C-alpha atoms as a PDB file:
ATOM      1  CA  MET A   1      -0.051  -0.210  -0.305  1.00  0.00           C
ATOM      2  CA  THR A   2       3.148   2.702   0.968  1.00  0.00           C
ATOM      3  CA  ASN A   3       5.012   1.133  -1.825  1.00  0.00           C
ATOM      4  CA  HIS A   4       7.337   0.916   0.708  1.00  0.00           C
ATOM      5  CA  HIS A   5      10.050  -2.319   1.698  1.00  0.00           C
ATOM      6  CA  ASP A   6       8.489  -3.568   5.283  1.00  0.00           C
ATOM      7  CA  ASN A   7      12.226  -3.180   6.584  1.00  0.00           C
ATOM      8  CA  ASN A   8      12.019  -0.161   5.767  1.00  0.00           C
ATOM      9  CA  ILE A   9       9.003   1.120   7.406  1.00  0.00           C
ATOM     10  CA  ARG A  10       9.884  -1.139  10.651  1.00  0.00           C
ATOM     11  CA  LYS A  11      13.409   0.797  10.915  1.00  0.00           C
ATOM     12  CA  TRP A  12      11.625   4.248  10.900  1.00  0.00           C
ATOM     13  CA  LEU A  13       9.018   3.182  13.439  1.00  0.00           C
ATOM     14  CA  HIS A  14      11.920   1.778  15.652  1.00  0.00           C
ATOM     15  CA  ARG A  15      13.662   5.253  15.002  1.00  0.00           C
ATOM     16  CA  PHE A  16      10.472   7.120  15.843  1.00  0.00           C
ATOM     17  CA  ASN A  17      10.082   4.703  19.148  1.00  0.00           C
ATOM     18  CA  GLU A  18      13.698   6.033  20.153  1.00  0.00           C
ATOM     19  CA  LYS A  19      14.071   9.537  19.728  1.00  0.00           C
ATOM     20  CA  GLY A  20      10.617  10.843  18.520  1.00  0.00           C
ATOM     21  CA  ILE A  21       9.814  13.054  15.761  1.00  0.00           C
ATOM     22  CA  ASP A  22      13.688  14.099  15.442  1.00  0.00           C
ATOM     23  CA  GLY A  23      13.962  10.315  14.447  1.00  0.00           C
ATOM     24  CA  ILE A  24      12.869  10.256  11.027  1.00  0.00           C
ATOM     25  CA  ILE A  25      13.641  13.617   9.884  1.00  0.00           C
ATOM     26  CA  SER A  26      16.425  11.910   7.326  1.00  0.00           C
ATOM     27  CA  ARG A  27      19.430  12.026   8.392  1.00  0.00           C
ATOM     28  CA  LYS A  28      22.793  12.973   5.135  1.00  0.00           C
ATOM     29  CA  HIS A  29      24.880  10.610   4.351  1.00  0.00           C
ATOM     30  CA  VAL A  30      28.665  11.725   4.918  1.00  0.00           C
ATOM     31  CA  ARG A  31      31.226   9.940   2.998  1.00  0.00           C
ATOM     32  CA  ASN A  32      34.385  11.214   2.499  1.00  0.00           C
ATOM     33  CA  ALA A  33      34.921  12.047  -1.232  1.00  0.00           C
ATOM     34  CA  HIS A  34      38.504  11.296  -2.887  1.00  0.00           C
ATOM     35  CA  LYS A  35      39.607  13.449  -5.478  1.00  0.00           C
ATOM     36  CA  ILE A  36      40.651  11.062  -8.598  1.00  0.00           C
ATOM     37  CA  THR A  37      43.818  13.262  -9.729  1.00  0.00           C
ATOM     38  CA  GLU A  38      45.430  13.011 -12.848  1.00  0.00           C
ATOM     39  CA  ASP A  39      48.123  10.524 -11.967  1.00  0.00           C
ATOM     40  CA  ILE A  40      45.749   7.837 -10.683  1.00  0.00           C
ATOM     41  CA  GLU A  41      43.533   8.501 -13.682  1.00  0.00           C
ATOM     42  CA  ARG A  42      47.376   8.239 -15.507  1.00  0.00           C
ATOM     43  CA  LYS A  43      47.723   4.893 -13.689  1.00  0.00           C
ATOM     44  CA  ILE A  44      44.020   3.526 -13.998  1.00  0.00           C
ATOM     45  CA  VAL A  45      44.721   3.904 -17.945  1.00  0.00           C
ATOM     46  CA  GLU A  46      48.131   2.382 -17.909  1.00  0.00           C
ATOM     47  CA  ILE A  47      47.182  -0.999 -15.970  1.00  0.00           C
ATOM     48  CA  ALA A  48      44.087  -1.572 -18.172  1.00  0.00           C
ATOM     49  CA  SER A  49      45.158  -0.724 -21.723  1.00  0.00           C
ATOM     50  CA  ASN A  50      47.778  -4.098 -20.978  1.00  0.00           C
ATOM     51  CA  ASP A  51      46.855  -7.899 -20.397  1.00  0.00           C
ATOM     52  CA  PRO A  52      45.452  -8.740 -16.841  1.00  0.00           C
ATOM     53  CA  ARG A  53      47.881 -11.350 -16.781  1.00  0.00           C
ATOM     54  CA  LYS A  54      51.116  -9.302 -16.143  1.00  0.00           C
ATOM     55  CA  TYR A  55      49.195  -8.365 -13.255  1.00  0.00           C
ATOM     56  CA  LYS A  56      46.821 -11.096 -12.328  1.00  0.00           C
ATOM     57  CA  PRO A  57      47.309 -14.476 -14.026  1.00  0.00           C
ATOM     58  CA  LYS A  58      43.751 -15.406 -13.101  1.00  0.00           C
ATOM     59  CA  PHE A  59      42.294 -13.420 -15.086  1.00  0.00           C
ATOM     60  CA  SER A  60      42.780 -12.676 -18.977  1.00  0.00           C
ATOM     61  CA  ALA A  61      40.684  -9.601 -19.659  1.00  0.00           C
ATOM     62  CA  TRP A  62      39.670  -6.596 -17.394  1.00  0.00           C
ATOM     63  CA  SER A  63      36.575  -6.415 -16.330  1.00  0.00           C
ATOM     64  CA  LEU A  64      35.278  -3.340 -14.534  1.00  0.00           C
ATOM     65  CA  CYS A  65      35.395  -4.872 -10.466  1.00  0.00           C
ATOM     66  CA  VAL A  66      38.373  -6.830 -10.881  1.00  0.00           C
ATOM     67  CA  LEU A  67      40.248  -3.380 -11.628  1.00  0.00           C
ATOM     68  CA  ALA A  68      38.276  -1.605  -9.601  1.00  0.00           C
ATOM     69  CA  GLY A  69      39.579  -4.084  -7.092  1.00  0.00           C
ATOM     70  CA  TYR A  70      42.957  -4.218  -8.184  1.00  0.00           C
ATOM     71  CA  ILE A  71      43.378  -0.701  -8.201  1.00  0.00           C
ATOM     72  CA  MET A  72      42.986  -0.730  -4.231  1.00  0.00           C
ATOM     73  CA  GLU A  73      43.784  -3.945  -2.594  1.00  0.00           C
ATOM     74  CA  GLU A  74      47.441  -5.072  -5.112  1.00  0.00           C
ATOM     75  CA  LYS A  75      48.490  -2.018  -5.917  1.00  0.00           C
ATOM     76  CA  LYS A  76      47.153   0.621  -2.739  1.00  0.00           C
ATOM     77  CA  ILE A  77      46.909   2.984  -5.819  1.00  0.00           C
ATOM     78  CA  ILE A  78      43.542   4.829  -4.024  1.00  0.00           C
ATOM     79  CA  ASP A  79      41.218   3.357  -1.435  1.00  0.00           C
ATOM     80  CA  SER A  80      37.767   3.384  -2.514  1.00  0.00           C
ATOM     81  CA  ILE A  81      36.694   3.918  -6.316  1.00  0.00           C
ATOM     82  CA  SER A  82      33.703   1.864  -7.997  1.00  0.00           C
ATOM     83  CA  HIS A  83      33.632   0.208 -11.423  1.00  0.00           C
ATOM     84  CA  THR A  84      31.226   3.215 -12.518  1.00  0.00           C
ATOM     85  CA  GLU A  85      34.144   6.319 -11.521  1.00  0.00           C
ATOM     86  CA  ILE A  86      36.739   3.090 -13.048  1.00  0.00           C
ATOM     87  CA  LYS A  87      34.903   3.184 -16.449  1.00  0.00           C
ATOM     88  CA  ASN A  88      34.504   7.095 -16.541  1.00  0.00           C
ATOM     89  CA  VAL A  89      38.281   7.418 -16.193  1.00  0.00           C
ATOM     90  CA  LEU A  90      38.759   4.810 -19.237  1.00  0.00           C
ATOM     91  CA  VAL A  91      36.535   6.965 -21.480  1.00  0.00           C
ATOM     92  CA  LYS A  92      37.991  10.645 -20.602  1.00  0.00           C
ATOM     93  CA  HIS A  93      41.187   8.987 -21.775  1.00  0.00           C
ATOM     94  CA  GLY A  94      39.298   8.042 -24.995  1.00  0.00           C
ATOM     95  CA  ILE A  95      38.892   3.908 -23.961  1.00  0.00           C
ATOM     96  CA  GLU A  96      36.186   2.293 -25.039  1.00  0.00           C
ATOM     97  CA  TRP A  97      35.541  -0.561 -22.415  1.00  0.00           C
ATOM     98  CA  ARG A  98      32.507  -2.555 -23.280  1.00  0.00           C
ATOM     99  CA  ASN A  99      31.506  -5.153 -20.781  1.00  0.00           C
ATOM    100  CA  SER A 100      32.933  -8.982 -21.202  1.00  0.00           C
ATOM    101  CA  LYS A 101      31.137 -11.416 -22.238  1.00  0.00           C
ATOM    102  CA  MET A 102      29.964 -15.591 -22.939  1.00  0.00           C
ATOM    103  CA  ILE A 103      32.655 -16.940 -25.843  1.00  0.00           C
ATOM    104  CA  LEU A 104      30.639 -19.611 -26.564  1.00  0.00           C
ATOM    105  CA  GLY A 105      32.674 -22.353 -28.772  1.00  0.00           C
ATOM    106  CA  LYS A 106      36.533 -21.145 -30.432  1.00  0.00           C
ATOM    107  CA  SER A 107      37.676 -18.651 -27.569  1.00  0.00           C
ATOM    108  CA  ARG A 108      40.558 -16.354 -28.284  1.00  0.00           C
ATOM    109  CA  ASP A 109      42.311 -16.885 -26.122  1.00  0.00           C
ATOM    110  CA  PRO A 110      45.608 -18.358 -27.142  1.00  0.00           C
ATOM    111  CA  GLU A 111      46.037 -20.793 -24.891  1.00  0.00           C
ATOM    112  CA  TYR A 112      42.570 -22.242 -24.846  1.00  0.00           C
ATOM    113  CA  GLU A 113      42.942 -25.778 -26.453  1.00  0.00           C
ATOM    114  CA  LEU A 114      45.666 -26.041 -23.844  1.00  0.00           C
ATOM    115  CA  LYS A 115      43.006 -24.693 -20.891  1.00  0.00           C
ATOM    116  CA  LYS A 116      40.717 -27.564 -22.421  1.00  0.00           C
ATOM    117  CA  ILE A 117      42.585 -30.100 -22.565  1.00  0.00           C
ATOM    118  CA  VAL A 118      43.792 -29.548 -19.240  1.00  0.00           C
ATOM    119  CA  LEU A 119      40.288 -29.460 -17.796  1.00  0.00           C
ATOM    120  CA  LYS A 120      38.832 -32.261 -19.877  1.00  0.00           C
ATOM    121  CA  ASN A 121      42.000 -34.487 -17.902  1.00  0.00           C
END
């Protein structure tokens, strides 16, 4: 009837019961904005432009999420960055990004036949 999920209604009721009318006033979410500098952008473009096997052997193609995780966790270039921000950086620098897709049949991976044989055994 209210077009709200039951959990959201419960949350608002609990907040009202705890704090009264002040509990149902929406609070602003404060998020520390991080600055993506030109240097960081250059490093992202450099990594994205290379074969991921150079950095992480188990990936044959970068996905935006894998690239974001690698940049944050392995390279520690920036504390937090989303896959959308990665895509925006790449587009800004003229790199067209297309989503990875599953290829049925013949793969473009040069090691495909070898991997196929290993998996069958």
